[in-house]
């Protein structure tokens, strides 16, 4: 039995501080993309939408709508438009509501609502 488990039973600890320290393997995990608004044109956004196999991307007028909860971090958007889509480096995502996972990124040259 692992030592930490026995110590927890003896002390009555039911929770731990998470994360106690950053996991070194986290740098090798695929992460959802982050989008650069200045590099997103309508044509690039439409190409990204067509490329996304999980349908996490959509275009709504002058905005790219990114559903982080639907993203599988496959990297196809980063391959398609490396100037517009970069790795976010964030692999742990949490939100209190489903709508908090939907991001709206304005396209280059489009007026913000």
C-alpha atoms as a PDB file:
ATOM      1  CA  UNK A   1       0.000   0.000   0.000  1.00  0.00           C
ATOM      2  CA  UNK A   2       1.463   3.367  -0.949  1.00  0.00           C
ATOM      3  CA  UNK A   3       2.806   5.366   1.947  1.00  0.00           C
ATOM      4  CA  UNK A   4       0.681   8.445   1.170  1.00  0.00           C
ATOM      5  CA  UNK A   5      -2.500   6.347   1.337  1.00  0.00           C
ATOM      6  CA  UNK A   6      -1.615   4.880   4.735  1.00  0.00           C
ATOM      7  CA  UNK A   7      -0.663   8.335   6.038  1.00  0.00           C
ATOM      8  CA  UNK A   8      -3.997   9.745   4.851  1.00  0.00           C
ATOM      9  CA  UNK A   9      -5.940   6.984   6.591  1.00  0.00           C
ATOM     10  CA  UNK A  10      -4.003   7.512   9.811  1.00  0.00           C
ATOM     11  CA  UNK A  11      -4.449  11.306   9.791  1.00  0.00           C
ATOM     12  CA  UNK A  12      -7.993  11.307   8.430  1.00  0.00           C
ATOM     13  CA  UNK A  13      -7.098  13.466   5.409  1.00  0.00           C
ATOM     14  CA  UNK A  14      -9.891  13.367   2.840  1.00  0.00           C
ATOM     15  CA  UNK A  15      -8.631  16.040   0.444  1.00  0.00           C
ATOM     16  CA  UNK A  16      -5.291  17.194  -0.830  1.00  0.00           C
ATOM     17  CA  UNK A  17      -4.045  20.482  -2.188  1.00  0.00           C
ATOM     18  CA  UNK A  18      -4.236  20.134  -5.939  1.00  0.00           C
ATOM     19  CA  UNK A  19      -1.849  20.498  -7.592  1.00  0.00           C
ATOM     20  CA  UNK A  20       0.863  20.315  -4.969  1.00  0.00           C
ATOM     21  CA  UNK A  21       3.395  21.095  -7.717  1.00  0.00           C
ATOM     22  CA  UNK A  22       3.243  21.335 -11.508  1.00  0.00           C
ATOM     23  CA  UNK A  23       3.426  17.999 -13.263  1.00  0.00           C
ATOM     24  CA  UNK A  24       6.504  17.862 -15.485  1.00  0.00           C
ATOM     25  CA  UNK A  25       4.710  15.693 -18.060  1.00  0.00           C
ATOM     26  CA  UNK A  26       2.102  18.428 -18.610  1.00  0.00           C
ATOM     27  CA  UNK A  27       4.354  20.204 -21.089  1.00  0.00           C
ATOM     28  CA  UNK A  28       3.994  17.227 -23.447  1.00  0.00           C
ATOM     29  CA  UNK A  29       0.178  17.149 -23.435  1.00  0.00           C
ATOM     30  CA  UNK A  30      -1.793  18.492 -26.390  1.00  0.00           C
ATOM     31  CA  UNK A  31      -3.763  21.576 -25.429  1.00  0.00           C
ATOM     32  CA  UNK A  32      -6.665  23.443 -27.013  1.00  0.00           C
ATOM     33  CA  UNK A  33      -5.612  26.342 -29.227  1.00  0.00           C
ATOM     34  CA  UNK A  34      -5.574  30.039 -28.519  1.00  0.00           C
ATOM     35  CA  UNK A  35      -6.491  32.300 -31.432  1.00  0.00           C
ATOM     36  CA  UNK A  36      -4.838  35.557 -32.486  1.00  0.00           C
ATOM     37  CA  UNK A  37      -7.567  37.965 -33.473  1.00  0.00           C
ATOM     38  CA  UNK A  38      -5.191  40.045 -35.615  1.00  0.00           C
ATOM     39  CA  UNK A  39      -4.491  37.055 -37.883  1.00  0.00           C
ATOM     40  CA  UNK A  40      -8.106  35.902 -38.238  1.00  0.00           C
ATOM     41  CA  UNK A  41      -9.751  37.002 -41.460  1.00  0.00           C
ATOM     42  CA  UNK A  42     -13.078  35.670 -42.731  1.00  0.00           C
ATOM     43  CA  UNK A  43     -11.247  33.339 -45.118  1.00  0.00           C
ATOM     44  CA  UNK A  44      -8.951  31.965 -42.405  1.00  0.00           C
ATOM     45  CA  UNK A  45     -11.892  31.536 -40.009  1.00  0.00           C
ATOM     46  CA  UNK A  46     -13.923  29.672 -42.626  1.00  0.00           C
ATOM     47  CA  UNK A  47     -10.922  27.406 -43.308  1.00  0.00           C
ATOM     48  CA  UNK A  48     -10.540  26.696 -39.600  1.00  0.00           C
ATOM     49  CA  UNK A  49     -14.237  25.840 -39.293  1.00  0.00           C
ATOM     50  CA  UNK A  50     -13.967  23.433 -42.230  1.00  0.00           C
ATOM     51  CA  UNK A  51     -10.832  21.835 -40.766  1.00  0.00           C
ATOM     52  CA  UNK A  52     -12.175  21.160 -37.239  1.00  0.00           C
ATOM     53  CA  UNK A  53     -13.320  17.511 -36.939  1.00  0.00           C
ATOM     54  CA  UNK A  54     -15.030  18.016 -33.566  1.00  0.00           C
ATOM     55  CA  UNK A  55     -17.083  21.014 -34.718  1.00  0.00           C
ATOM     56  CA  UNK A  56     -15.654  23.122 -31.916  1.00  0.00           C
ATOM     57  CA  UNK A  57     -15.346  26.087 -34.296  1.00  0.00           C
ATOM     58  CA  UNK A  58     -18.054  28.105 -36.015  1.00  0.00           C
ATOM     59  CA  UNK A  59     -18.242  31.557 -37.559  1.00  0.00           C
ATOM     60  CA  UNK A  60     -20.962  33.923 -36.455  1.00  0.00           C
ATOM     61  CA  UNK A  61     -20.793  37.065 -38.571  1.00  0.00           C
ATOM     62  CA  UNK A  62     -17.577  38.861 -37.640  1.00  0.00           C
ATOM     63  CA  UNK A  63     -16.594  36.424 -34.885  1.00  0.00           C
ATOM     64  CA  UNK A  64     -15.008  33.007 -34.611  1.00  0.00           C
ATOM     65  CA  UNK A  65     -16.929  31.006 -32.006  1.00  0.00           C
ATOM     66  CA  UNK A  66     -14.696  28.505 -30.193  1.00  0.00           C
ATOM     67  CA  UNK A  67     -16.274  25.854 -27.950  1.00  0.00           C
ATOM     68  CA  UNK A  68     -13.389  24.785 -25.718  1.00  0.00           C
ATOM     69  CA  UNK A  69     -15.523  22.003 -24.217  1.00  0.00           C
ATOM     70  CA  UNK A  70     -15.935  20.354 -27.621  1.00  0.00           C
ATOM     71  CA  UNK A  71     -12.288  20.738 -28.668  1.00  0.00           C
ATOM     72  CA  UNK A  72     -10.245  17.530 -28.756  1.00  0.00           C
ATOM     73  CA  UNK A  73      -6.896  19.360 -29.112  1.00  0.00           C
ATOM     74  CA  UNK A  74      -6.143  17.493 -32.337  1.00  0.00           C
ATOM     75  CA  UNK A  75      -3.947  20.331 -33.640  1.00  0.00           C
ATOM     76  CA  UNK A  76      -5.480  20.523 -37.121  1.00  0.00           C
ATOM     77  CA  UNK A  77      -6.353  24.194 -36.721  1.00  0.00           C
ATOM     78  CA  UNK A  78      -2.743  24.937 -35.786  1.00  0.00           C
ATOM     79  CA  UNK A  79      -1.547  23.070 -38.881  1.00  0.00           C
ATOM     80  CA  UNK A  80      -4.060  24.891 -41.101  1.00  0.00           C
ATOM     81  CA  UNK A  81      -3.343  28.410 -39.796  1.00  0.00           C
ATOM     82  CA  UNK A  82      -0.164  28.520 -37.687  1.00  0.00           C
ATOM     83  CA  UNK A  83      -0.239  32.333 -37.552  1.00  0.00           C
ATOM     84  CA  UNK A  84      -3.809  32.444 -36.227  1.00  0.00           C
ATOM     85  CA  UNK A  85      -3.953  29.366 -33.961  1.00  0.00           C
ATOM     86  CA  UNK A  86      -1.285  28.639 -31.373  1.00  0.00           C
ATOM     87  CA  UNK A  87      -1.114  26.186 -28.497  1.00  0.00           C
ATOM     88  CA  UNK A  88      -2.676  27.662 -25.366  1.00  0.00           C
ATOM     89  CA  UNK A  89      -0.608  25.561 -22.965  1.00  0.00           C
ATOM     90  CA  UNK A  90      -3.706  25.111 -20.785  1.00  0.00           C
ATOM     91  CA  UNK A  91      -4.801  21.517 -20.393  1.00  0.00           C
ATOM     92  CA  UNK A  92      -6.846  21.746 -17.206  1.00  0.00           C
ATOM     93  CA  UNK A  93     -10.156  23.424 -17.963  1.00  0.00           C
ATOM     94  CA  UNK A  94     -13.006  23.948 -15.566  1.00  0.00           C
ATOM     95  CA  UNK A  95     -16.089  26.138 -15.656  1.00  0.00           C
ATOM     96  CA  UNK A  96     -19.178  26.557 -13.532  1.00  0.00           C
ATOM     97  CA  UNK A  97     -21.427  26.742 -16.604  1.00  0.00           C
ATOM     98  CA  UNK A  98     -21.261  25.239 -20.076  1.00  0.00           C
ATOM     99  CA  UNK A  99     -21.502  28.672 -21.707  1.00  0.00           C
ATOM    100  CA  UNK A 100     -18.289  29.765 -19.956  1.00  0.00           C
ATOM    101  CA  UNK A 101     -16.411  27.362 -22.246  1.00  0.00           C
ATOM    102  CA  UNK A 102     -17.593  29.147 -25.405  1.00  0.00           C
ATOM    103  CA  UNK A 103     -15.210  31.893 -26.542  1.00  0.00           C
ATOM    104  CA  UNK A 104     -15.986  34.553 -29.166  1.00  0.00           C
ATOM    105  CA  UNK A 105     -12.947  35.890 -30.997  1.00  0.00           C
ATOM    106  CA  UNK A 106     -13.430  38.964 -33.210  1.00  0.00           C
ATOM    107  CA  UNK A 107     -12.103  38.683 -36.741  1.00  0.00           C
ATOM    108  CA  UNK A 108      -9.517  41.105 -38.136  1.00  0.00           C
ATOM    109  CA  UNK A 109     -11.128  44.259 -39.444  1.00  0.00           C
ATOM    110  CA  UNK A 110     -14.558  43.439 -38.031  1.00  0.00           C
ATOM    111  CA  UNK A 111     -16.357  45.842 -35.721  1.00  0.00           C
ATOM    112  CA  UNK A 112     -16.816  44.609 -32.181  1.00  0.00           C
ATOM    113  CA  UNK A 113     -20.426  44.382 -30.995  1.00  0.00           C
END
